[in-house]
Amino acid sequence: GLATVKRALELGHNVTSLSRRKIVLESDHNLHSVQGDALDETVIKEIIKGKDVILVTLGLGMNTEATSLFSDFAKLLLHIHANDPIQVPIIVVTGFFSVGSRPYLKTMVKPLFRLILNKLYEDKANMEQMISESTLQWEIVRPGLLNDKPLTEKFRVETDLFRGMKISGISRNDVADYLLKEAVVQKNLGKFPALSNK
């Protein structure tokens, strides 16, 4: 989320962010940082009002325990949409281990992902299903394993799954770059693009 905010500001966008802790960046007048809960309906309705695009980068840090955060957020979003239709694109980041992409993981990393991330990704898969079956203008982005390497703007975007595909790690900064550029061109709405190093 923070990488996405920083990249958005670098590209000259006006940004409203919602996070557990208020984001403070030196002298950036294009940022309105809101500290709050992603499951607070009043807060969500307020921050999405009048926006051109909504980027969802929900996360739990290093916590890999079972959760309902992702599916609860999807339920809330769909509840808001049912009462006052959301007319702008919503681009959601999950990861390349969700149910639909799991069979295409490299064989040697599957046991590791199952051991560590399975519970977390069960809920992400629920969120993906709810959003992708809705009438929202959605895109679900599935990056490979995230790392803290610098921005390169050189990465692969795969919109079709195929046997033997190699989705490797990718910098958070490059994921942020993709999200911001996709927010403008919106060429992969209704798809599940996978992101990886070149």
N, C-alpha and C. Protein backbone atom coordinates (compact mmCIF):
# COMPACT_ATOMS: atom_id res chain seq x y z
N GLY A 1 0.80 -1.20 0.00
CA GLY A 1 0.00 0.00 0.00
C GLY A 1 0.84 1.26 0.00
N LEU A 2 1.86 1.30 0.86
CA LEU A 2 2.70 2.49 0.95
C LEU A 2 3.45 2.74 -0.35
N ALA A 3 3.96 1.67 -0.97
CA ALA A 3 4.66 1.80 -2.25
C ALA A 3 3.72 2.38 -3.30
N THR A 4 2.47 1.98 -3.25
CA THR A 4 1.48 2.47 -4.22
C THR A 4 1.19 3.95 -4.01
N VAL A 5 1.06 4.36 -2.76
CA VAL A 5 0.84 5.77 -2.46
C VAL A 5 2.02 6.61 -2.96
N LYS A 6 3.23 6.16 -2.65
CA LYS A 6 4.42 6.92 -3.06
C LYS A 6 4.51 7.03 -4.58
N ARG A 7 4.24 5.92 -5.28
CA ARG A 7 4.32 5.94 -6.74
C ARG A 7 3.24 6.84 -7.33
N ALA A 8 2.06 6.81 -6.75
CA ALA A 8 0.97 7.66 -7.23
C ALA A 8 1.36 9.13 -7.11
N LEU A 9 1.97 9.49 -6.02
CA LEU A 9 2.39 10.88 -5.82
C LEU A 9 3.51 11.26 -6.79
N GLU A 10 4.44 10.33 -7.02
CA GLU A 10 5.52 10.58 -7.99
C GLU A 10 4.96 10.86 -9.38
N LEU A 11 3.85 10.17 -9.71
CA LEU A 11 3.24 10.32 -11.03
C LEU A 11 2.26 11.49 -11.08
N GLY A 12 2.15 12.24 -9.98
CA GLY A 12 1.35 13.46 -9.98
C GLY A 12 -0.12 13.29 -9.68
N HIS A 13 -0.52 12.16 -9.12
CA HIS A 13 -1.93 11.93 -8.81
C HIS A 13 -2.30 12.53 -7.45
N ASN A 14 -3.56 12.89 -7.30
CA ASN A 14 -4.11 13.23 -5.99
C ASN A 14 -4.57 11.93 -5.35
N VAL A 15 -4.17 11.69 -4.11
CA VAL A 15 -4.38 10.39 -3.47
C VAL A 15 -5.10 10.55 -2.13
N THR A 16 -6.11 9.70 -1.93
CA THR A 16 -6.68 9.52 -0.60
C THR A 16 -6.34 8.11 -0.18
N SER A 17 -5.66 7.97 0.94
CA SER A 17 -5.26 6.64 1.41
C SER A 17 -6.00 6.31 2.70
N LEU A 18 -6.24 5.00 2.89
CA LEU A 18 -6.81 4.51 4.14
C LEU A 18 -5.88 3.44 4.66
N SER A 19 -5.43 3.59 5.89
CA SER A 19 -4.53 2.60 6.48
C SER A 19 -4.71 2.58 7.99
N ARG A 20 -4.16 1.52 8.59
CA ARG A 20 -4.28 1.38 10.05
C ARG A 20 -3.55 2.52 10.76
N ARG A 21 -2.43 2.97 10.15
CA ARG A 21 -1.67 4.10 10.71
C ARG A 21 -1.67 5.22 9.67
N LYS A 22 -1.75 6.43 10.16
CA LYS A 22 -1.75 7.59 9.25
C LYS A 22 -0.41 7.66 8.51
N ILE A 23 -0.47 7.89 7.21
CA ILE A 23 0.74 8.02 6.40
C ILE A 23 1.20 9.47 6.43
N VAL A 24 2.46 9.66 6.81
CA VAL A 24 3.03 11.01 6.85
C VAL A 24 4.22 11.03 5.90
N LEU A 25 4.11 11.82 4.84
CA LEU A 25 5.20 12.01 3.90
C LEU A 25 5.52 13.49 3.86
N GLU A 26 6.79 13.80 3.75
CA GLU A 26 7.22 15.20 3.80
C GLU A 26 6.60 16.03 2.68
N SER A 27 6.01 17.11 3.04
CA SER A 27 5.51 18.15 2.15
C SER A 27 4.87 17.63 0.86
N ASP A 28 3.89 16.75 0.98
CA ASP A 28 3.15 16.35 -0.22
C ASP A 28 1.70 16.76 -0.06
N HIS A 29 1.34 17.79 -0.81
CA HIS A 29 0.00 18.35 -0.68
C HIS A 29 -1.05 17.56 -1.46
N ASN A 30 -0.60 16.56 -2.25
CA ASN A 30 -1.55 15.75 -3.03
C ASN A 30 -2.03 14.52 -2.27
N LEU A 31 -1.62 14.38 -1.02
CA LEU A 31 -2.01 13.21 -0.22
C LEU A 31 -2.96 13.60 0.90
N HIS A 32 -4.09 12.88 0.95
CA HIS A 32 -5.01 12.98 2.08
C HIS A 32 -5.01 11.61 2.75
N SER A 33 -4.34 11.50 3.88
CA SER A 33 -4.19 10.22 4.57
C SER A 33 -5.24 10.08 5.66
N VAL A 34 -5.98 8.97 5.59
CA VAL A 34 -7.02 8.69 6.58
C VAL A 34 -6.60 7.46 7.38
N GLN A 35 -6.63 7.59 8.70
CA GLN A 35 -6.35 6.45 9.56
C GLN A 35 -7.69 5.82 9.93
N GLY A 36 -7.83 4.53 9.66
CA GLY A 36 -9.11 3.90 9.95
C GLY A 36 -9.13 2.43 9.63
N ASP A 37 -10.33 1.89 9.68
CA ASP A 37 -10.57 0.45 9.54
C ASP A 37 -11.19 0.17 8.18
N ALA A 38 -10.63 -0.79 7.45
CA ALA A 38 -11.14 -1.14 6.13
C ALA A 38 -12.52 -1.78 6.18
N LEU A 39 -13.00 -2.11 7.38
CA LEU A 39 -14.33 -2.71 7.52
C LEU A 39 -15.34 -1.73 8.10
N ASP A 40 -14.96 -0.46 8.15
CA ASP A 40 -15.87 0.58 8.66
C ASP A 40 -16.63 1.18 7.48
N GLU A 41 -17.91 0.86 7.39
CA GLU A 41 -18.71 1.27 6.23
C GLU A 41 -18.72 2.78 6.03
N THR A 42 -18.86 3.53 7.12
CA THR A 42 -18.90 4.99 7.01
C THR A 42 -17.61 5.53 6.40
N VAL A 43 -16.49 5.01 6.86
CA VAL A 43 -15.19 5.46 6.36
C VAL A 43 -15.02 5.10 4.89
N ILE A 44 -15.35 3.87 4.53
CA ILE A 44 -15.18 3.43 3.13
C ILE A 44 -16.06 4.26 2.20
N LYS A 45 -17.30 4.48 2.57
CA LYS A 45 -18.20 5.27 1.73
C LYS A 45 -17.66 6.68 1.52
N GLU A 46 -17.10 7.24 2.57
CA GLU A 46 -16.59 8.61 2.49
C GLU A 46 -15.35 8.69 1.60
N ILE A 47 -14.41 7.74 1.75
CA ILE A 47 -13.16 7.89 1.00
C ILE A 47 -13.28 7.51 -0.48
N ILE A 48 -14.30 6.71 -0.84
CA ILE A 48 -14.43 6.36 -2.27
C ILE A 48 -15.27 7.38 -3.03
N LYS A 49 -15.94 8.25 -2.29
CA LYS A 49 -16.82 9.23 -2.93
C LYS A 49 -16.03 10.17 -3.83
N GLY A 50 -16.44 10.27 -5.09
CA GLY A 50 -15.85 11.22 -6.01
C GLY A 50 -14.48 10.83 -6.56
N LYS A 51 -14.07 9.59 -6.37
CA LYS A 51 -12.76 9.16 -6.83
C LYS A 51 -12.85 8.62 -8.27
N ASP A 52 -11.73 8.65 -8.99
CA ASP A 52 -11.68 8.16 -10.37
C ASP A 52 -11.44 6.66 -10.44
N VAL A 53 -10.74 6.12 -9.45
CA VAL A 53 -10.43 4.69 -9.41
C VAL A 53 -10.15 4.32 -7.95
N ILE A 54 -10.42 3.05 -7.62
CA ILE A 54 -10.18 2.56 -6.26
C ILE A 54 -9.15 1.43 -6.35
N LEU A 55 -8.04 1.58 -5.63
CA LEU A 55 -7.00 0.55 -5.57
C LEU A 55 -7.06 -0.10 -4.19
N VAL A 56 -7.17 -1.42 -4.17
CA VAL A 56 -7.30 -2.15 -2.91
C VAL A 56 -6.03 -2.98 -2.70
N THR A 57 -5.27 -2.62 -1.67
CA THR A 57 -4.02 -3.33 -1.37
C THR A 57 -4.05 -3.84 0.07
N LEU A 58 -5.16 -4.45 0.44
CA LEU A 58 -5.32 -4.96 1.80
C LEU A 58 -4.20 -5.93 2.15
N GLY A 59 -3.74 -5.88 3.38
CA GLY A 59 -2.72 -6.83 3.82
C GLY A 59 -2.70 -6.97 5.33
N LEU A 60 -2.00 -8.00 5.77
CA LEU A 60 -1.89 -8.27 7.20
C LEU A 60 -0.44 -8.30 7.66
N GLY A 61 0.44 -7.67 6.90
CA GLY A 61 1.86 -7.69 7.26
C GLY A 61 2.40 -9.09 7.23
N MET A 62 3.07 -9.49 8.28
CA MET A 62 3.69 -10.83 8.34
C MET A 62 2.74 -11.88 8.89
N ASN A 63 1.53 -11.49 9.25
CA ASN A 63 0.57 -12.44 9.82
C ASN A 63 0.05 -13.39 8.73
N THR A 64 0.19 -14.68 8.94
CA THR A 64 -0.28 -15.69 7.97
C THR A 64 -1.38 -16.58 8.54
N GLU A 65 -1.96 -16.16 9.66
CA GLU A 65 -3.03 -16.94 10.29
C GLU A 65 -4.33 -16.83 9.49
N ALA A 66 -5.25 -17.73 9.80
CA ALA A 66 -6.57 -17.69 9.16
C ALA A 66 -7.22 -16.33 9.44
N THR A 67 -7.94 -15.82 8.45
CA THR A 67 -8.56 -14.50 8.58
C THR A 67 -9.83 -14.46 7.76
N SER A 68 -10.67 -13.48 8.05
CA SER A 68 -11.84 -13.22 7.20
C SER A 68 -11.81 -11.78 6.70
N LEU A 69 -10.65 -11.10 6.88
CA LEU A 69 -10.54 -9.69 6.51
C LEU A 69 -10.90 -9.46 5.04
N PHE A 70 -10.37 -10.28 4.16
CA PHE A 70 -10.53 -10.05 2.73
C PHE A 70 -11.97 -10.29 2.28
N SER A 71 -12.56 -11.39 2.72
CA SER A 71 -13.96 -11.66 2.35
C SER A 71 -14.90 -10.68 3.04
N ASP A 72 -14.60 -10.28 4.27
CA ASP A 72 -15.44 -9.29 4.95
C ASP A 72 -15.40 -7.94 4.22
N PHE A 73 -14.21 -7.57 3.73
CA PHE A 73 -14.10 -6.33 2.96
C PHE A 73 -14.92 -6.44 1.66
N ALA A 74 -14.83 -7.58 0.99
CA ALA A 74 -15.59 -7.76 -0.25
C ALA A 74 -17.09 -7.66 0.02
N LYS A 75 -17.55 -8.27 1.12
CA LYS A 75 -18.98 -8.19 1.48
C LYS A 75 -19.39 -6.74 1.69
N LEU A 76 -18.54 -6.00 2.40
CA LEU A 76 -18.84 -4.59 2.68
C LEU A 76 -18.90 -3.79 1.37
N LEU A 77 -17.94 -4.01 0.49
CA LEU A 77 -17.91 -3.29 -0.78
C LEU A 77 -19.15 -3.60 -1.61
N LEU A 78 -19.56 -4.85 -1.64
CA LEU A 78 -20.74 -5.24 -2.41
C LEU A 78 -22.02 -4.70 -1.77
N HIS A 79 -22.03 -4.61 -0.45
CA HIS A 79 -23.18 -4.01 0.25
C HIS A 79 -23.31 -2.53 -0.13
N ILE A 80 -22.18 -1.82 -0.13
CA ILE A 80 -22.18 -0.41 -0.52
C ILE A 80 -22.63 -0.28 -1.98
N HIS A 81 -22.10 -1.13 -2.83
CA HIS A 81 -22.41 -1.11 -4.27
C HIS A 81 -23.90 -1.39 -4.52
N ALA A 82 -24.49 -2.27 -3.72
CA ALA A 82 -25.92 -2.62 -3.89
C ALA A 82 -26.81 -1.43 -3.57
N ASN A 83 -26.38 -0.61 -2.62
CA ASN A 83 -27.21 0.52 -2.19
C ASN A 83 -26.93 1.81 -2.96
N ASP A 84 -25.71 1.94 -3.45
CA ASP A 84 -25.32 3.14 -4.19
C ASP A 84 -24.21 2.71 -5.16
N PRO A 85 -24.58 2.27 -6.37
CA PRO A 85 -23.62 1.63 -7.28
C PRO A 85 -22.32 2.40 -7.45
N ILE A 86 -21.22 1.66 -7.32
CA ILE A 86 -19.88 2.22 -7.50
C ILE A 86 -19.60 2.23 -9.00
N GLN A 87 -19.40 3.40 -9.55
CA GLN A 87 -19.31 3.56 -11.00
C GLN A 87 -17.87 3.59 -11.53
N VAL A 88 -16.89 3.47 -10.65
CA VAL A 88 -15.49 3.58 -11.08
C VAL A 88 -14.80 2.22 -10.94
N PRO A 89 -13.70 2.02 -11.69
CA PRO A 89 -12.99 0.74 -11.59
C PRO A 89 -12.40 0.49 -10.21
N ILE A 90 -12.40 -0.78 -9.83
CA ILE A 90 -11.79 -1.21 -8.58
C ILE A 90 -10.72 -2.24 -8.93
N ILE A 91 -9.47 -1.92 -8.61
CA ILE A 91 -8.35 -2.81 -8.90
C ILE A 91 -7.85 -3.38 -7.58
N VAL A 92 -7.91 -4.70 -7.46
CA VAL A 92 -7.64 -5.38 -6.19
C VAL A 92 -6.38 -6.23 -6.32
N VAL A 93 -5.47 -6.11 -5.36
CA VAL A 93 -4.27 -6.93 -5.34
C VAL A 93 -4.49 -8.13 -4.43
N THR A 94 -4.24 -9.34 -4.96
CA THR A 94 -4.24 -10.55 -4.11
C THR A 94 -2.85 -11.17 -4.19
N GLY A 95 -2.67 -12.22 -4.98
CA GLY A 95 -1.35 -12.83 -5.12
C GLY A 95 -1.43 -14.08 -5.96
N PHE A 96 -0.28 -14.50 -6.47
CA PHE A 96 -0.25 -15.67 -7.34
C PHE A 96 -0.20 -16.95 -6.52
N PHE A 97 -1.23 -17.17 -5.73
CA PHE A 97 -1.45 -18.45 -5.05
C PHE A 97 -2.93 -18.66 -4.85
N SER A 98 -3.73 -17.74 -5.37
CA SER A 98 -5.16 -17.89 -5.24
C SER A 98 -5.61 -19.13 -6.00
N VAL A 99 -6.81 -19.58 -5.69
CA VAL A 99 -7.30 -20.86 -6.20
C VAL A 99 -7.13 -21.00 -7.70
N GLY A 100 -7.50 -19.97 -8.45
CA GLY A 100 -7.44 -20.08 -9.90
C GLY A 100 -6.03 -20.21 -10.45
N SER A 101 -5.06 -19.60 -9.77
CA SER A 101 -3.68 -19.61 -10.28
C SER A 101 -2.82 -20.69 -9.63
N ARG A 102 -3.27 -21.27 -8.54
CA ARG A 102 -2.45 -22.21 -7.77
C ARG A 102 -1.88 -23.36 -8.60
N PRO A 103 -2.66 -23.97 -9.51
CA PRO A 103 -2.09 -25.09 -10.29
C PRO A 103 -0.91 -24.69 -11.16
N TYR A 104 -0.71 -23.38 -11.38
CA TYR A 104 0.35 -22.93 -12.28
C TYR A 104 1.62 -22.50 -11.54
N LEU A 105 1.61 -22.65 -10.21
CA LEU A 105 2.81 -22.38 -9.43
C LEU A 105 3.89 -23.39 -9.77
N LYS A 106 5.15 -22.99 -9.60
CA LYS A 106 6.25 -23.93 -9.77
C LYS A 106 6.07 -25.06 -8.77
N THR A 107 6.32 -26.30 -9.20
CA THR A 107 6.12 -27.48 -8.36
C THR A 107 6.88 -27.39 -7.05
N MET A 108 8.11 -26.88 -7.10
CA MET A 108 8.94 -26.89 -5.88
C MET A 108 8.48 -25.89 -4.83
N VAL A 109 7.71 -24.87 -5.20
CA VAL A 109 7.28 -23.90 -4.20
C VAL A 109 5.88 -24.18 -3.66
N LYS A 110 5.15 -25.07 -4.32
CA LYS A 110 3.77 -25.35 -3.86
C LYS A 110 3.71 -25.80 -2.41
N PRO A 111 4.57 -26.76 -1.96
CA PRO A 111 4.48 -27.18 -0.55
C PRO A 111 4.72 -26.04 0.42
N LEU A 112 5.68 -25.15 0.10
CA LEU A 112 5.98 -24.02 0.97
C LEU A 112 4.78 -23.09 1.08
N PHE A 113 4.15 -22.79 -0.04
CA PHE A 113 2.98 -21.91 -0.04
C PHE A 113 1.84 -22.56 0.75
N ARG A 114 1.63 -23.87 0.53
CA ARG A 114 0.55 -24.55 1.26
C ARG A 114 0.79 -24.49 2.76
N LEU A 115 2.03 -24.70 3.16
CA LEU A 115 2.38 -24.73 4.58
C LEU A 115 2.20 -23.38 5.24
N ILE A 116 2.63 -22.32 4.56
CA ILE A 116 2.68 -20.99 5.20
C ILE A 116 1.46 -20.13 4.88
N LEU A 117 1.00 -20.16 3.64
CA LEU A 117 0.02 -19.16 3.19
C LEU A 117 -1.38 -19.69 2.91
N ASN A 118 -1.59 -20.98 3.09
CA ASN A 118 -2.85 -21.57 2.66
C ASN A 118 -4.08 -20.92 3.30
N LYS A 119 -4.04 -20.73 4.62
CA LYS A 119 -5.20 -20.17 5.32
C LYS A 119 -5.49 -18.74 4.85
N LEU A 120 -4.43 -17.97 4.71
CA LEU A 120 -4.56 -16.58 4.27
C LEU A 120 -5.18 -16.52 2.87
N TYR A 121 -4.71 -17.40 1.99
CA TYR A 121 -5.17 -17.35 0.61
C TYR A 121 -6.55 -17.95 0.41
N GLU A 122 -7.00 -18.77 1.33
CA GLU A 122 -8.39 -19.23 1.26
C GLU A 122 -9.34 -18.03 1.32
N ASP A 123 -9.03 -17.09 2.20
CA ASP A 123 -9.89 -15.92 2.33
C ASP A 123 -9.71 -14.97 1.15
N LYS A 124 -8.49 -14.84 0.66
CA LYS A 124 -8.28 -14.02 -0.54
C LYS A 124 -9.06 -14.60 -1.72
N ALA A 125 -9.09 -15.93 -1.82
CA ALA A 125 -9.84 -16.58 -2.90
C ALA A 125 -11.33 -16.28 -2.77
N ASN A 126 -11.84 -16.26 -1.54
CA ASN A 126 -13.25 -15.90 -1.33
C ASN A 126 -13.53 -14.48 -1.80
N MET A 127 -12.60 -13.55 -1.48
CA MET A 127 -12.75 -12.18 -1.92
C MET A 127 -12.74 -12.11 -3.45
N GLU A 128 -11.80 -12.79 -4.08
CA GLU A 128 -11.72 -12.81 -5.54
C GLU A 128 -13.04 -13.28 -6.16
N GLN A 129 -13.57 -14.35 -5.61
CA GLN A 129 -14.80 -14.91 -6.17
C GLN A 129 -15.97 -13.93 -6.05
N MET A 130 -16.11 -13.34 -4.87
CA MET A 130 -17.22 -12.41 -4.66
C MET A 130 -17.13 -11.20 -5.59
N ILE A 131 -15.94 -10.65 -5.71
CA ILE A 131 -15.76 -9.46 -6.55
C ILE A 131 -15.90 -9.79 -8.02
N SER A 132 -15.31 -10.90 -8.45
CA SER A 132 -15.34 -11.24 -9.87
C SER A 132 -16.73 -11.67 -10.35
N GLU A 133 -17.59 -12.09 -9.44
CA GLU A 133 -18.96 -12.47 -9.81
C GLU A 133 -19.94 -11.31 -9.65
N SER A 134 -19.43 -10.14 -9.29
CA SER A 134 -20.29 -8.98 -9.04
C SER A 134 -20.42 -8.14 -10.31
N THR A 135 -21.18 -7.06 -10.20
CA THR A 135 -21.34 -6.12 -11.32
C THR A 135 -20.38 -4.93 -11.19
N LEU A 136 -19.44 -5.01 -10.27
CA LEU A 136 -18.40 -3.99 -10.17
C LEU A 136 -17.52 -4.00 -11.42
N GLN A 137 -16.90 -2.89 -11.74
CA GLN A 137 -15.86 -2.85 -12.78
C GLN A 137 -14.56 -3.25 -12.10
N TRP A 138 -14.21 -4.51 -12.16
CA TRP A 138 -13.12 -5.03 -11.35
C TRP A 138 -11.92 -5.50 -12.18
N GLU A 139 -10.80 -5.54 -11.49
CA GLU A 139 -9.59 -6.20 -11.99
C GLU A 139 -8.90 -6.77 -10.76
N ILE A 140 -8.46 -8.02 -10.85
CA ILE A 140 -7.79 -8.66 -9.72
C ILE A 140 -6.36 -8.97 -10.14
N VAL A 141 -5.41 -8.32 -9.47
CA VAL A 141 -3.99 -8.40 -9.82
C VAL A 141 -3.30 -9.42 -8.90
N ARG A 142 -2.59 -10.36 -9.53
CA ARG A 142 -1.93 -11.43 -8.77
C ARG A 142 -0.41 -11.37 -8.97
N PRO A 143 0.29 -10.59 -8.15
CA PRO A 143 1.75 -10.56 -8.28
C PRO A 143 2.38 -11.82 -7.72
N GLY A 144 3.62 -12.10 -8.19
CA GLY A 144 4.42 -13.15 -7.57
C GLY A 144 4.87 -12.70 -6.19
N LEU A 145 5.78 -13.45 -5.59
CA LEU A 145 6.25 -13.14 -4.24
C LEU A 145 6.87 -11.75 -4.20
N LEU A 146 6.40 -10.91 -3.29
CA LEU A 146 6.83 -9.52 -3.22
C LEU A 146 8.20 -9.38 -2.56
N ASN A 147 8.97 -8.43 -3.09
CA ASN A 147 10.25 -8.10 -2.46
C ASN A 147 10.42 -6.58 -2.42
N ASP A 148 11.49 -6.11 -1.81
CA ASP A 148 11.70 -4.67 -1.61
C ASP A 148 12.73 -4.08 -2.57
N LYS A 149 12.92 -4.69 -3.72
CA LYS A 149 13.89 -4.18 -4.69
C LYS A 149 13.40 -2.86 -5.29
N PRO A 150 14.30 -2.10 -5.88
CA PRO A 150 13.92 -0.79 -6.44
C PRO A 150 12.98 -0.92 -7.65
N LEU A 151 12.36 0.17 -7.98
CA LEU A 151 11.50 0.27 -9.15
C LEU A 151 12.33 0.05 -10.42
N THR A 152 11.82 -0.81 -11.32
CA THR A 152 12.49 -1.02 -12.61
C THR A 152 11.59 -0.64 -13.79
N GLU A 153 10.28 -0.69 -13.58
CA GLU A 153 9.28 -0.51 -14.64
C GLU A 153 9.43 -1.56 -15.73
N LYS A 154 10.14 -2.65 -15.42
CA LYS A 154 10.33 -3.75 -16.37
C LYS A 154 9.83 -5.02 -15.71
N PHE A 155 8.65 -5.44 -16.08
CA PHE A 155 8.06 -6.63 -15.49
C PHE A 155 7.12 -7.26 -16.51
N ARG A 156 6.76 -8.51 -16.24
CA ARG A 156 5.87 -9.24 -17.13
C ARG A 156 4.45 -9.16 -16.62
N VAL A 157 3.51 -9.02 -17.52
CA VAL A 157 2.08 -9.07 -17.20
C VAL A 157 1.48 -10.20 -18.01
N GLU A 158 1.00 -11.23 -17.32
CA GLU A 158 0.38 -12.37 -17.99
C GLU A 158 -1.12 -12.35 -17.69
N THR A 159 -1.93 -12.22 -18.73
CA THR A 159 -3.38 -12.19 -18.50
C THR A 159 -4.02 -13.55 -18.76
N ASP A 160 -3.22 -14.51 -19.26
CA ASP A 160 -3.72 -15.87 -19.48
C ASP A 160 -2.84 -16.84 -18.71
N LEU A 161 -3.47 -17.83 -18.09
CA LEU A 161 -2.73 -18.87 -17.38
C LEU A 161 -2.37 -19.98 -18.35
N PHE A 162 -1.14 -20.50 -18.24
CA PHE A 162 -0.76 -21.61 -19.11
C PHE A 162 0.28 -22.47 -18.39
N ARG A 163 0.30 -23.74 -18.73
CA ARG A 163 1.24 -24.68 -18.13
C ARG A 163 2.67 -24.23 -18.42
N GLY A 164 3.52 -24.31 -17.40
CA GLY A 164 4.92 -23.94 -17.58
C GLY A 164 5.19 -22.46 -17.41
N MET A 165 4.15 -21.66 -17.13
CA MET A 165 4.39 -20.24 -16.92
C MET A 165 5.25 -20.06 -15.67
N LYS A 166 6.11 -19.09 -15.68
CA LYS A 166 7.01 -18.88 -14.55
C LYS A 166 6.74 -17.52 -13.94
N ILE A 167 6.03 -17.54 -12.83
CA ILE A 167 5.75 -16.30 -12.11
C ILE A 167 6.72 -16.25 -10.94
N SER A 168 7.70 -15.37 -11.05
CA SER A 168 8.73 -15.25 -10.02
C SER A 168 8.40 -14.06 -9.12
N GLY A 169 9.36 -13.69 -8.28
CA GLY A 169 9.16 -12.55 -7.39
C GLY A 169 9.09 -11.25 -8.17
N ILE A 170 8.60 -10.23 -7.49
CA ILE A 170 8.48 -8.91 -8.10
C ILE A 170 8.55 -7.85 -7.01
N SER A 171 9.13 -6.74 -7.34
CA SER A 171 9.25 -5.64 -6.39
C SER A 171 7.89 -5.01 -6.09
N ARG A 172 7.67 -4.68 -4.83
CA ARG A 172 6.47 -3.93 -4.45
C ARG A 172 6.37 -2.64 -5.27
N ASN A 173 7.53 -2.04 -5.55
CA ASN A 173 7.55 -0.80 -6.31
C ASN A 173 7.07 -1.01 -7.75
N ASP A 174 7.41 -2.15 -8.33
CA ASP A 174 6.93 -2.43 -9.69
C ASP A 174 5.45 -2.78 -9.70
N VAL A 175 4.97 -3.46 -8.65
CA VAL A 175 3.53 -3.71 -8.54
C VAL A 175 2.80 -2.38 -8.45
N ALA A 176 3.32 -1.47 -7.64
CA ALA A 176 2.71 -0.14 -7.52
C ALA A 176 2.69 0.57 -8.86
N ASP A 177 3.78 0.47 -9.61
CA ASP A 177 3.87 1.09 -10.93
C ASP A 177 2.79 0.54 -11.86
N TYR A 178 2.63 -0.79 -11.85
CA TYR A 178 1.57 -1.39 -12.68
C TYR A 178 0.20 -0.86 -12.28
N LEU A 179 -0.08 -0.86 -10.97
CA LEU A 179 -1.40 -0.43 -10.49
C LEU A 179 -1.73 0.99 -10.95
N LEU A 180 -0.76 1.89 -10.83
CA LEU A 180 -1.01 3.28 -11.20
C LEU A 180 -1.19 3.46 -12.69
N LYS A 181 -0.41 2.75 -13.48
CA LYS A 181 -0.55 2.86 -14.93
C LYS A 181 -1.84 2.20 -15.40
N GLU A 182 -2.20 1.09 -14.77
CA GLU A 182 -3.45 0.41 -15.11
C GLU A 182 -4.65 1.25 -14.68
N ALA A 183 -4.51 1.98 -13.59
CA ALA A 183 -5.60 2.87 -13.14
C ALA A 183 -5.94 3.89 -14.21
N VAL A 184 -4.95 4.27 -15.01
CA VAL A 184 -5.16 5.26 -16.06
C VAL A 184 -5.69 4.62 -17.34
N VAL A 185 -5.05 3.53 -17.79
CA VAL A 185 -5.44 2.95 -19.10
C VAL A 185 -6.56 1.91 -18.99
N GLN A 186 -6.63 1.21 -17.85
CA GLN A 186 -7.71 0.25 -17.58
C GLN A 186 -7.89 -0.77 -18.71
N LYS A 187 -6.80 -1.36 -19.17
CA LYS A 187 -6.91 -2.30 -20.28
C LYS A 187 -7.18 -3.73 -19.84
N ASN A 188 -7.05 -4.02 -18.54
CA ASN A 188 -7.24 -5.39 -18.07
C ASN A 188 -8.44 -5.54 -17.13
N LEU A 189 -9.42 -4.65 -17.24
CA LEU A 189 -10.62 -4.80 -16.42
C LEU A 189 -11.29 -6.13 -16.75
N GLY A 190 -11.81 -6.78 -15.70
CA GLY A 190 -12.47 -8.08 -15.89
C GLY A 190 -11.49 -9.22 -16.05
N LYS A 191 -10.19 -8.97 -15.77
CA LYS A 191 -9.17 -10.01 -15.91
C LYS A 191 -8.40 -10.19 -14.61
N PHE A 192 -7.54 -11.21 -14.61
CA PHE A 192 -6.73 -11.56 -13.43
C PHE A 192 -5.24 -11.50 -13.82
N PRO A 193 -4.69 -10.35 -14.13
CA PRO A 193 -3.30 -10.31 -14.56
C PRO A 193 -2.33 -10.77 -13.48
N ALA A 194 -1.36 -11.59 -13.88
CA ALA A 194 -0.29 -12.03 -13.00
C ALA A 194 0.94 -11.19 -13.31
N LEU A 195 1.64 -10.74 -12.26
CA LEU A 195 2.81 -9.88 -12.42
C LEU A 195 4.07 -10.62 -11.95
N SER A 196 5.13 -10.44 -12.71
CA SER A 196 6.38 -11.13 -12.38
C SER A 196 7.56 -10.34 -12.92
N ASN A 197 8.76 -10.62 -12.39
CA ASN A 197 9.96 -10.08 -13.01
C ASN A 197 10.02 -10.49 -14.47
N LYS A 198 10.75 -9.73 -15.26
CA LYS A 198 10.96 -10.07 -16.69
C LYS A 198 11.66 -11.42 -16.79
